[in-house]
Amino acid sequence: MSGHEDAIGLWQLQETQQVADDGSGRLTNDAYTFRYDGDTVTLRLATMNPAMWRSDDDFYRLEARWDGDMLSYRPPFGDWAELAAWVGDHFEDSGSGTRRIFGRVGEDEVPEWNRAVLAPREPHDYSIEPVDPGRPPPAA
């Protein structure tokens, strides 16, 4: 456990604010809803390369870790990525002059187009290769 037990739950974008650019060059992510269970993060990730393996619904349950108050996740085929910082009682993702504030929500508050985040799923299998000719592509 991380010491961030209050962060366990279902989180959804509540507000986007324009703020002074801090000059860090950091871009905000495009997460809308995510679930943190204390060990993993479940969220939707876009697959840009049509030849690359992806889940059937573009949702993944991924390894998570904390660096101070920053929650990060390990995508299927990449290095650790920052998701959002724990600020008091909510998450915030800031970068390039934008602050995205995530509030805790109930399952009934998740929009239909993002409800796959609620489905039980196994943690991602990191042994999967980005392009595996022996693995069939996901159903369209």
Protein backbone atom coordinates (compact mmCIF):
# COMPACT_ATOMS: atom_id res chain seq x y z
CA MET A 1 0.00 0.00 0.00
CA SER A 2 1.20 3.47 -0.85
CA GLY A 3 0.19 5.57 2.12
CA HIS A 4 -2.40 7.22 -0.15
CA GLU A 5 -5.38 5.12 0.91
CA ASP A 6 -7.69 8.16 0.65
CA ALA A 7 -6.99 8.17 -3.10
CA ILE A 8 -8.55 4.75 -3.65
CA GLY A 9 -11.72 5.11 -5.68
CA LEU A 10 -13.31 6.18 -8.90
CA TRP A 11 -12.25 9.60 -10.25
CA GLN A 12 -13.64 11.75 -13.04
CA LEU A 13 -12.73 15.07 -14.60
CA GLN A 14 -14.79 17.76 -12.85
CA GLU A 15 -13.23 21.00 -13.98
CA THR A 16 -10.61 22.37 -16.35
CA GLN A 17 -8.96 25.70 -15.51
CA GLN A 18 -6.56 27.89 -17.42
CA VAL A 19 -3.56 28.79 -15.25
CA ALA A 20 -0.16 30.39 -15.76
CA ASP A 21 2.13 28.07 -17.69
CA ASP A 22 4.84 26.91 -15.28
CA GLY A 23 7.35 26.45 -18.10
CA SER A 24 7.87 22.76 -17.28
CA GLY A 25 6.87 21.66 -20.77
CA ARG A 26 4.68 18.97 -19.19
CA LEU A 27 1.48 18.17 -21.07
CA THR A 28 -1.67 17.09 -19.29
CA ASN A 29 -3.02 13.63 -19.99
CA ASP A 30 -6.36 13.01 -21.66
CA ALA A 31 -7.88 10.79 -18.96
CA TYR A 32 -11.53 11.48 -18.20
CA THR A 33 -12.40 8.72 -15.73
CA PHE A 34 -10.02 6.41 -13.89
CA ARG A 35 -10.15 3.95 -11.03
CA TYR A 36 -7.33 3.57 -8.50
CA ASP A 37 -7.49 0.46 -6.30
CA GLY A 38 -4.34 0.92 -4.23
CA ASP A 39 -2.11 -1.09 -6.59
CA THR A 40 -3.39 -0.50 -10.11
CA VAL A 41 -5.07 2.17 -12.23
CA THR A 42 -7.82 1.35 -14.73
CA LEU A 43 -8.28 3.85 -17.54
CA ARG A 44 -8.82 4.26 -21.27
CA LEU A 45 -5.76 4.67 -23.48
CA ALA A 46 -5.89 5.49 -27.17
CA THR A 47 -3.95 3.25 -29.54
CA MET A 48 -2.63 5.35 -32.41
CA ASN A 49 -0.99 2.59 -34.45
CA PRO A 50 -3.61 0.21 -35.91
CA ALA A 51 -1.03 -2.59 -36.14
CA MET A 52 -0.27 -2.40 -32.41
CA TRP A 53 -1.90 -4.80 -29.99
CA ARG A 54 -4.65 -3.26 -27.87
CA SER A 55 -7.36 -4.46 -25.55
CA ASP A 56 -10.84 -5.11 -26.95
CA ASP A 57 -12.21 -1.87 -25.43
CA ASP A 58 -9.08 0.34 -25.06
CA PHE A 59 -9.34 0.11 -21.26
CA TYR A 60 -6.44 -1.27 -19.24
CA ARG A 61 -5.75 -2.14 -15.61
CA LEU A 62 -2.13 -1.04 -15.20
CA GLU A 63 0.57 -1.04 -12.56
CA ALA A 64 0.55 2.13 -10.47
CA ARG A 65 3.12 3.80 -8.24
CA TRP A 66 3.54 6.98 -6.25
CA ASP A 67 6.38 9.47 -6.44
CA GLY A 68 5.53 11.73 -3.51
CA ASP A 69 1.97 12.82 -4.26
CA MET A 70 2.15 12.06 -8.01
CA LEU A 71 0.32 8.92 -9.12
CA SER A 72 1.84 7.31 -12.19
CA TYR A 73 0.91 4.26 -14.25
CA ARG A 74 2.91 1.96 -16.48
CA PRO A 75 1.29 1.81 -19.95
CA PRO A 76 1.34 -1.47 -21.90
CA PHE A 77 4.32 -0.54 -24.08
CA GLY A 78 6.04 2.46 -22.56
CA ASP A 79 7.76 4.06 -19.63
CA TRP A 80 5.94 5.21 -16.52
CA ALA A 81 3.55 8.10 -17.18
CA GLU A 82 2.28 10.64 -14.67
CA LEU A 83 -1.48 10.54 -14.23
CA ALA A 84 -2.29 13.16 -11.59
CA ALA A 85 -1.14 14.59 -8.28
CA TRP A 86 -3.04 13.99 -5.03
CA VAL A 87 -3.95 17.42 -3.64
CA GLY A 88 -5.75 17.29 -0.31
CA ASP A 89 -8.85 15.27 -1.18
CA HIS A 90 -8.73 15.07 -4.99
CA PHE A 91 -6.47 14.60 -8.00
CA GLU A 92 -5.10 17.37 -10.24
CA ASP A 93 -3.20 17.14 -13.50
CA SER A 94 -1.39 20.35 -14.48
CA GLY A 95 0.71 21.32 -17.47
CA SER A 96 0.97 23.74 -20.39
CA GLY A 97 -1.25 26.32 -18.74
CA THR A 98 -4.07 23.91 -17.87
CA ARG A 99 -5.18 22.42 -14.56
CA ARG A 100 -7.52 19.42 -14.75
CA ILE A 101 -9.32 18.64 -11.47
CA PHE A 102 -10.67 15.14 -10.81
CA GLY A 103 -13.37 14.54 -8.22
CA ARG A 104 -14.51 11.30 -6.65
CA VAL A 105 -17.65 9.92 -8.32
CA GLY A 106 -20.05 7.04 -7.94
CA GLU A 107 -20.45 4.38 -10.60
CA ASP A 108 -23.79 5.87 -11.65
CA GLU A 109 -22.04 9.16 -12.54
CA VAL A 110 -19.77 7.65 -15.20
CA PRO A 111 -21.02 8.47 -18.73
CA GLU A 112 -22.10 5.57 -20.91
CA TRP A 113 -19.16 6.03 -23.31
CA ASN A 114 -16.71 5.49 -20.42
CA ARG A 115 -18.53 2.79 -18.43
CA ALA A 116 -16.03 0.09 -19.44
CA VAL A 117 -13.82 1.51 -16.66
CA LEU A 118 -16.25 -0.17 -14.23
CA ALA A 119 -15.91 -3.69 -15.65
CA PRO A 120 -13.80 -6.14 -13.64
CA ARG A 121 -10.61 -6.97 -15.52
CA GLU A 122 -7.34 -8.70 -14.92
CA PRO A 123 -4.18 -6.60 -14.58
CA HIS A 124 -2.43 -6.02 -17.91
CA ASP A 125 -0.04 -8.78 -18.98
CA TYR A 126 3.22 -6.93 -19.58
CA SER A 127 4.66 -9.92 -21.47
CA ILE A 128 2.45 -9.04 -24.46
CA GLU A 129 4.50 -7.65 -27.32
CA PRO A 130 3.34 -4.47 -29.14
CA VAL A 131 3.12 -6.34 -32.43
CA ASP A 132 2.56 -10.06 -31.93
CA PRO A 133 1.83 -11.87 -35.20
CA GLY A 134 0.57 -14.91 -33.28
CA ARG A 135 -2.09 -12.95 -31.43
CA PRO A 136 -5.34 -12.09 -33.23
CA PRO A 137 -6.33 -8.41 -33.34
CA PRO A 138 -9.18 -7.34 -31.04
CA ALA A 139 -12.72 -7.65 -32.36
CA ALA A 140 -13.91 -4.53 -34.16
